[in-house]
Amino acid sequence: MGLDIGLINKYYDLSIAGDILAKDHYNNLEKTAKDCVKCGHCNARCPFKVDQMNRMEKIKEYFGK
């Protein structure tokens, strides 16, 4: 789907940590967590074994998109 999983996660983590600019950066992304179609491709490729499909849902709820 062309999501930049690394940046989406980075801006979420920074925002949770209190970085007030992270939300603006997230909102300027061409594709955000709302564009995740839960295909599972990210989960299979994640070297950290993170459940990215569920994380994208959590990020979408946090940022509202």
PDB file of N, CA and C in Angstrom:
ATOM      1  N   MET A   1       0.820  -1.211   0.000  1.00  0.00           N
ATOM      2  CA  MET A   1       0.000   0.000   0.000  1.00  0.00           C
ATOM      3  C   MET A   1       0.855   1.263   0.000  1.00  0.00           C
ATOM      4  N   GLY A   2       2.145   1.113   0.184  1.00  0.00           N
ATOM      5  CA  GLY A   2       3.029   2.269   0.122  1.00  0.00           C
ATOM      6  C   GLY A   2       3.143   3.062   1.404  1.00  0.00           C
ATOM      7  N   LEU A   3       2.733   2.486   2.516  1.00  0.00           N
ATOM      8  CA  LEU A   3       2.868   3.178   3.794  1.00  0.00           C
ATOM      9  C   LEU A   3       4.329   3.183   4.218  1.00  0.00           C
ATOM     10  N   ASP A   4       4.777   4.286   4.795  1.00  0.00           N
ATOM     11  CA  ASP A   4       6.111   4.338   5.363  1.00  0.00           C
ATOM     12  C   ASP A   4       5.979   3.940   6.836  1.00  0.00           C
ATOM     13  N   ILE A   5       6.012   2.643   7.062  1.00  0.00           N
ATOM     14  CA  ILE A   5       5.777   2.092   8.398  1.00  0.00           C
ATOM     15  C   ILE A   5       6.749   2.677   9.418  1.00  0.00           C
ATOM     16  N   GLY A   6       8.010   2.838   9.004  1.00  0.00           N
ATOM     17  CA  GLY A   6       9.015   3.387   9.910  1.00  0.00           C
ATOM     18  C   GLY A   6       8.667   4.784  10.387  1.00  0.00           C
ATOM     19  N   LEU A   7       8.275   5.665   9.462  1.00  0.00           N
ATOM     20  CA  LEU A   7       7.933   7.034   9.847  1.00  0.00           C
ATOM     21  C   LEU A   7       6.637   7.095  10.646  1.00  0.00           C
ATOM     22  N   ILE A   8       5.673   6.306  10.254  1.00  0.00           N
ATOM     23  CA  ILE A   8       4.407   6.286  11.000  1.00  0.00           C
ATOM     24  C   ILE A   8       4.674   5.905  12.455  1.00  0.00           C
ATOM     25  N   ASN A   9       5.467   4.846  12.647  1.00  0.00           N
ATOM     26  CA  ASN A   9       5.807   4.422  14.006  1.00  0.00           C
ATOM     27  C   ASN A   9       6.640   5.470  14.734  1.00  0.00           C
ATOM     28  N   LYS A  10       7.589   6.077  14.016  1.00  0.00           N
ATOM     29  CA  LYS A  10       8.451   7.095  14.628  1.00  0.00           C
ATOM     30  C   LYS A  10       7.631   8.270  15.144  1.00  0.00           C
ATOM     31  N   TYR A  11       6.741   8.797  14.299  1.00  0.00           N
ATOM     32  CA  TYR A  11       5.947   9.950  14.726  1.00  0.00           C
ATOM     33  C   TYR A  11       4.999   9.603  15.864  1.00  0.00           C
ATOM     34  N   TYR A  12       4.480   8.401  15.859  1.00  0.00           N
ATOM     35  CA  TYR A  12       3.630   7.958  16.967  1.00  0.00           C
ATOM     36  C   TYR A  12       4.438   7.897  18.262  1.00  0.00           C
ATOM     37  N   ASP A  13       5.590   7.234  18.207  1.00  0.00           N
ATOM     38  CA  ASP A  13       6.432   7.104  19.404  1.00  0.00           C
ATOM     39  C   ASP A  13       6.874   8.470  19.928  1.00  0.00           C
ATOM     40  N   LEU A  14       7.273   9.358  19.017  1.00  0.00           N
ATOM     41  CA  LEU A  14       7.685  10.704  19.438  1.00  0.00           C
ATOM     42  C   LEU A  14       6.526  11.476  20.048  1.00  0.00           C
ATOM     43  N   SER A  15       5.347  11.345  19.471  1.00  0.00           N
ATOM     44  CA  SER A  15       4.175  12.043  19.997  1.00  0.00           C
ATOM     45  C   SER A  15       3.825  11.541  21.398  1.00  0.00           C
ATOM     46  N   ILE A  16       3.860  10.226  21.571  1.00  0.00           N
ATOM     47  CA  ILE A  16       3.592   9.640  22.894  1.00  0.00           C
ATOM     48  C   ILE A  16       4.605  10.148  23.927  1.00  0.00           C
ATOM     49  N   ALA A  17       5.846  10.359  23.464  1.00  0.00           N
ATOM     50  CA  ALA A  17       6.917  10.824  24.356  1.00  0.00           C
ATOM     51  C   ALA A  17       6.833  12.326  24.629  1.00  0.00           C
ATOM     52  N   GLY A  18       5.908  13.030  23.961  1.00  0.00           N
ATOM     53  CA  GLY A  18       5.703  14.438  24.247  1.00  0.00           C
ATOM     54  C   GLY A  18       6.182  15.409  23.178  1.00  0.00           C
ATOM     55  N   ASP A  19       6.680  14.908  22.060  1.00  0.00           N
ATOM     56  CA  ASP A  19       7.124  15.787  20.976  1.00  0.00           C
ATOM     57  C   ASP A  19       5.892  16.391  20.296  1.00  0.00           C
ATOM     58  N   ILE A  20       5.711  17.695  20.465  1.00  0.00           N
ATOM     59  CA  ILE A  20       4.503  18.346  19.956  1.00  0.00           C
ATOM     60  C   ILE A  20       4.519  18.512  18.438  1.00  0.00           C
ATOM     61  N   LEU A  21       5.677  18.440  17.808  1.00  0.00           N
ATOM     62  CA  LEU A  21       5.757  18.573  16.351  1.00  0.00           C
ATOM     63  C   LEU A  21       5.483  17.263  15.624  1.00  0.00           C
ATOM     64  N   ALA A  22       5.573  16.161  16.323  1.00  0.00           N
ATOM     65  CA  ALA A  22       5.406  14.845  15.692  1.00  0.00           C
ATOM     66  C   ALA A  22       4.024  14.695  15.053  1.00  0.00           C
ATOM     67  N   LYS A  23       3.000  15.238  15.683  1.00  0.00           N
ATOM     68  CA  LYS A  23       1.650  15.123  15.128  1.00  0.00           C
ATOM     69  C   LYS A  23       1.547  15.866  13.804  1.00  0.00           C
ATOM     70  N   ASP A  24       2.154  17.040  13.726  1.00  0.00           N
ATOM     71  CA  ASP A  24       2.150  17.786  12.465  1.00  0.00           C
ATOM     72  C   ASP A  24       2.864  17.007  11.366  1.00  0.00           C
ATOM     73  N   HIS A  25       3.987  16.418  11.701  1.00  0.00           N
ATOM     74  CA  HIS A  25       4.733  15.620  10.724  1.00  0.00           C
ATOM     75  C   HIS A  25       3.906  14.422  10.270  1.00  0.00           C
ATOM     76  N   TYR A  26       3.247  13.762  11.216  1.00  0.00           N
ATOM     77  CA  TYR A  26       2.392  12.623  10.881  1.00  0.00           C
ATOM     78  C   TYR A  26       1.272  13.061   9.933  1.00  0.00           C
ATOM     79  N   ASN A  27       0.633  14.166  10.258  1.00  0.00           N
ATOM     80  CA  ASN A  27      -0.483  14.652   9.440  1.00  0.00           C
ATOM     81  C   ASN A  27      -0.057  15.059   8.039  1.00  0.00           C
ATOM     82  N   ASN A  28       1.215  15.327   7.836  1.00  0.00           N
ATOM     83  CA  ASN A  28       1.721  15.697   6.519  1.00  0.00           C
ATOM     84  C   ASN A  28       2.142  14.493   5.679  1.00  0.00           C
ATOM     85  N   LEU A  29       2.082  13.286   6.252  1.00  0.00           N
ATOM     86  CA  LEU A  29       2.414  12.096   5.483  1.00  0.00           C
ATOM     87  C   LEU A  29       1.367  11.886   4.391  1.00  0.00           C
ATOM     88  N   GLU A  30       1.811  11.430   3.224  1.00  0.00           N
ATOM     89  CA  GLU A  30       0.892  11.159   2.127  1.00  0.00           C
ATOM     90  C   GLU A  30      -0.070  10.033   2.491  1.00  0.00           C
ATOM     91  N   LYS A  31       0.450   8.997   3.151  1.00  0.00           N
ATOM     92  CA  LYS A  31      -0.378   7.881   3.601  1.00  0.00           C
ATOM     93  C   LYS A  31      -0.149   7.688   5.087  1.00  0.00           C
ATOM     94  N   THR A  32      -1.239   7.497   5.810  1.00  0.00           N
ATOM     95  CA  THR A  32      -1.168   7.335   7.259  1.00  0.00           C
ATOM     96  C   THR A  32      -1.714   5.961   7.650  1.00  0.00           C
ATOM     97  N   ALA A  33      -1.786   5.722   8.934  1.00  0.00           N
ATOM     98  CA  ALA A  33      -2.234   4.421   9.435  1.00  0.00           C
ATOM     99  C   ALA A  33      -3.634   4.053   8.945  1.00  0.00           C
ATOM    100  N   LYS A  34      -4.434   5.041   8.624  1.00  0.00           N
ATOM    101  CA  LYS A  34      -5.790   4.752   8.125  1.00  0.00           C
ATOM    102  C   LYS A  34      -5.772   4.030   6.787  1.00  0.00           C
ATOM    103  N   ASP A  35      -4.654   4.136   6.072  1.00  0.00           N
ATOM    104  CA  ASP A  35      -4.536   3.502   4.764  1.00  0.00           C
ATOM    105  C   ASP A  35      -4.111   2.028   4.853  1.00  0.00           C
ATOM    106  N   CYS A  36      -3.846   1.553   6.039  1.00  0.00           N
ATOM    107  CA  CYS A  36      -3.460   0.151   6.235  1.00  0.00           C
ATOM    108  C   CYS A  36      -4.646  -0.750   5.892  1.00  0.00           C
ATOM    109  N   VAL A  37      -4.393  -1.763   5.060  1.00  0.00           N
ATOM    110  CA  VAL A  37      -5.447  -2.697   4.667  1.00  0.00           C
ATOM    111  C   VAL A  37      -5.317  -4.046   5.385  1.00  0.00           C
ATOM    112  N   LYS A  38      -4.402  -4.099   6.348  1.00  0.00           N
ATOM    113  CA  LYS A  38      -4.200  -5.302   7.177  1.00  0.00           C
ATOM    114  C   LYS A  38      -3.889  -6.538   6.325  1.00  0.00           C
ATOM    115  N   CYS A  39      -2.987  -6.368   5.371  1.00  0.00           N
ATOM    116  CA  CYS A  39      -2.594  -7.489   4.500  1.00  0.00           C
ATOM    117  C   CYS A  39      -1.606  -8.421   5.183  1.00  0.00           C
ATOM    118  N   GLY A  40      -0.934  -7.949   6.228  1.00  0.00           N
ATOM    119  CA  GLY A  40       0.003  -8.787   6.962  1.00  0.00           C
ATOM    120  C   GLY A  40       1.432  -8.736   6.449  1.00  0.00           C
ATOM    121  N   HIS A  41       1.664  -8.028   5.345  1.00  0.00           N
ATOM    122  CA  HIS A  41       3.004  -7.953   4.760  1.00  0.00           C
ATOM    123  C   HIS A  41       4.013  -7.378   5.762  1.00  0.00           C
ATOM    124  N   CYS A  42       3.640  -6.350   6.470  1.00  0.00           N
ATOM    125  CA  CYS A  42       4.547  -5.719   7.436  1.00  0.00           C
ATOM    126  C   CYS A  42       4.879  -6.668   8.586  1.00  0.00           C
ATOM    127  N   ASN A  43       3.884  -7.401   9.052  1.00  0.00           N
ATOM    128  CA  ASN A  43       4.118  -8.339  10.146  1.00  0.00           C
ATOM    129  C   ASN A  43       5.140  -9.390   9.749  1.00  0.00           C
ATOM    130  N   ALA A  44       5.023  -9.891   8.536  1.00  0.00           N
ATOM    131  CA  ALA A  44       5.926 -10.941   8.071  1.00  0.00           C
ATOM    132  C   ALA A  44       7.355 -10.421   7.904  1.00  0.00           C
ATOM    133  N   ARG A  45       7.511  -9.153   7.586  1.00  0.00           N
ATOM    134  CA  ARG A  45       8.834  -8.588   7.318  1.00  0.00           C
ATOM    135  C   ARG A  45       9.469  -7.884   8.515  1.00  0.00           C
ATOM    136  N   CYS A  46       8.727  -7.644   9.570  1.00  0.00           N
ATOM    137  CA  CYS A  46       9.242  -6.880  10.708  1.00  0.00           C
ATOM    138  C   CYS A  46      10.347  -7.661  11.440  1.00  0.00           C
ATOM    139  N   PRO A  47      11.559  -7.106  11.491  1.00  0.00           N
ATOM    140  CA  PRO A  47      12.647  -7.808  12.177  1.00  0.00           C
ATOM    141  C   PRO A  47      12.472  -7.828  13.696  1.00  0.00           C
ATOM    142  N   PHE A  48      11.585  -6.979  14.207  1.00  0.00           N
ATOM    143  CA  PHE A  48      11.345  -6.901  15.646  1.00  0.00           C
ATOM    144  C   PHE A  48      10.121  -7.700  16.078  1.00  0.00           C
ATOM    145  N   LYS A  49       9.475  -8.354  15.120  1.00  0.00           N
ATOM    146  CA  LYS A  49       8.288  -9.192  15.376  1.00  0.00           C
ATOM    147  C   LYS A  49       7.133  -8.398  15.991  1.00  0.00           C
ATOM    148  N   VAL A  50       7.000  -7.138  15.573  1.00  0.00           N
ATOM    149  CA  VAL A  50       5.907  -6.287  16.048  1.00  0.00           C
ATOM    150  C   VAL A  50       4.663  -6.595  15.228  1.00  0.00           C
ATOM    151  N   ASP A  51       3.525  -6.667  15.887  1.00  0.00           N
ATOM    152  CA  ASP A  51       2.249  -6.854  15.196  1.00  0.00           C
ATOM    153  C   ASP A  51       1.826  -5.505  14.622  1.00  0.00           C
ATOM    154  N   GLN A  52       2.324  -5.204  13.428  1.00  0.00           N
ATOM    155  CA  GLN A  52       2.091  -3.894  12.827  1.00  0.00           C
ATOM    156  C   GLN A  52       0.629  -3.647  12.476  1.00  0.00           C
ATOM    157  N   MET A  53      -0.106  -4.691  12.148  1.00  0.00           N
ATOM    158  CA  MET A  53      -1.519  -4.490  11.809  1.00  0.00           C
ATOM    159  C   MET A  53      -2.266  -3.914  13.011  1.00  0.00           C
ATOM    160  N   ASN A  54      -2.052  -4.463  14.177  1.00  0.00           N
ATOM    161  CA  ASN A  54      -2.707  -3.937  15.372  1.00  0.00           C
ATOM    162  C   ASN A  54      -2.142  -2.578  15.764  1.00  0.00           C
ATOM    163  N   ARG A  55      -0.842  -2.406  15.564  1.00  0.00           N
ATOM    164  CA  ARG A  55      -0.228  -1.111  15.885  1.00  0.00           C
ATOM    165  C   ARG A  55      -0.779  -0.009  14.974  1.00  0.00           C
ATOM    166  N   MET A  56      -1.001  -0.303  13.699  1.00  0.00           N
ATOM    167  CA  MET A  56      -1.569   0.698  12.793  1.00  0.00           C
ATOM    168  C   MET A  56      -2.974   1.106  13.252  1.00  0.00           C
ATOM    169  N   GLU A  57      -3.733   0.157  13.744  1.00  0.00           N
ATOM    170  CA  GLU A  57      -5.071   0.476  14.262  1.00  0.00           C
ATOM    171  C   GLU A  57      -4.967   1.400  15.477  1.00  0.00           C
ATOM    172  N   LYS A  58      -4.022   1.101  16.355  1.00  0.00           N
ATOM    173  CA  LYS A  58      -3.806   1.915  17.552  1.00  0.00           C
ATOM    174  C   LYS A  58      -3.358   3.322  17.167  1.00  0.00           C
ATOM    175  N   ILE A  59      -2.468   3.421  16.195  1.00  0.00           N
ATOM    176  CA  ILE A  59      -1.966   4.720  15.735  1.00  0.00           C
ATOM    177  C   ILE A  59      -3.094   5.519  15.075  1.00  0.00           C
ATOM    178  N   LYS A  60      -3.909   4.843  14.281  1.00  0.00           N
ATOM    179  CA  LYS A  60      -5.054   5.498  13.626  1.00  0.00           C
ATOM    180  C   LYS A  60      -5.993   6.083  14.686  1.00  0.00           C
ATOM    181  N   GLU A  61      -6.251   5.338  15.732  1.00  0.00           N
ATOM    182  CA  GLU A  61      -7.121   5.827  16.809  1.00  0.00           C
ATOM    183  C   GLU A  61      -6.482   7.008  17.535  1.00  0.00           C
ATOM    184  N   TYR A  62      -5.183   6.949  17.763  1.00  0.00           N
ATOM    185  CA  TYR A  62      -4.477   8.002  18.481  1.00  0.00           C
ATOM    186  C   TYR A  62      -4.507   9.323  17.699  1.00  0.00           C
ATOM    187  N   PHE A  63      -4.145   9.261  16.420  1.00  0.00           N
ATOM    188  CA  PHE A  63      -4.072  10.473  15.613  1.00  0.00           C
ATOM    189  C   PHE A  63      -5.407  10.856  14.988  1.00  0.00           C
ATOM    190  N   GLY A  64      -6.343   9.943  14.947  1.00  0.00           N
ATOM    191  CA  GLY A  64      -7.640  10.223  14.343  1.00  0.00           C
ATOM    192  C   GLY A  64      -7.633  10.077  12.835  1.00  0.00           C
ATOM    193  N   LYS A  65      -6.538   9.512  12.316  1.00  0.00           N
ATOM    194  CA  LYS A  65      -6.485   9.214  10.875  1.00  0.00           C
ATOM    195  C   LYS A  65      -5.342   8.292  10.577  1.00  0.00           C
TER     196      LYS A  65
END
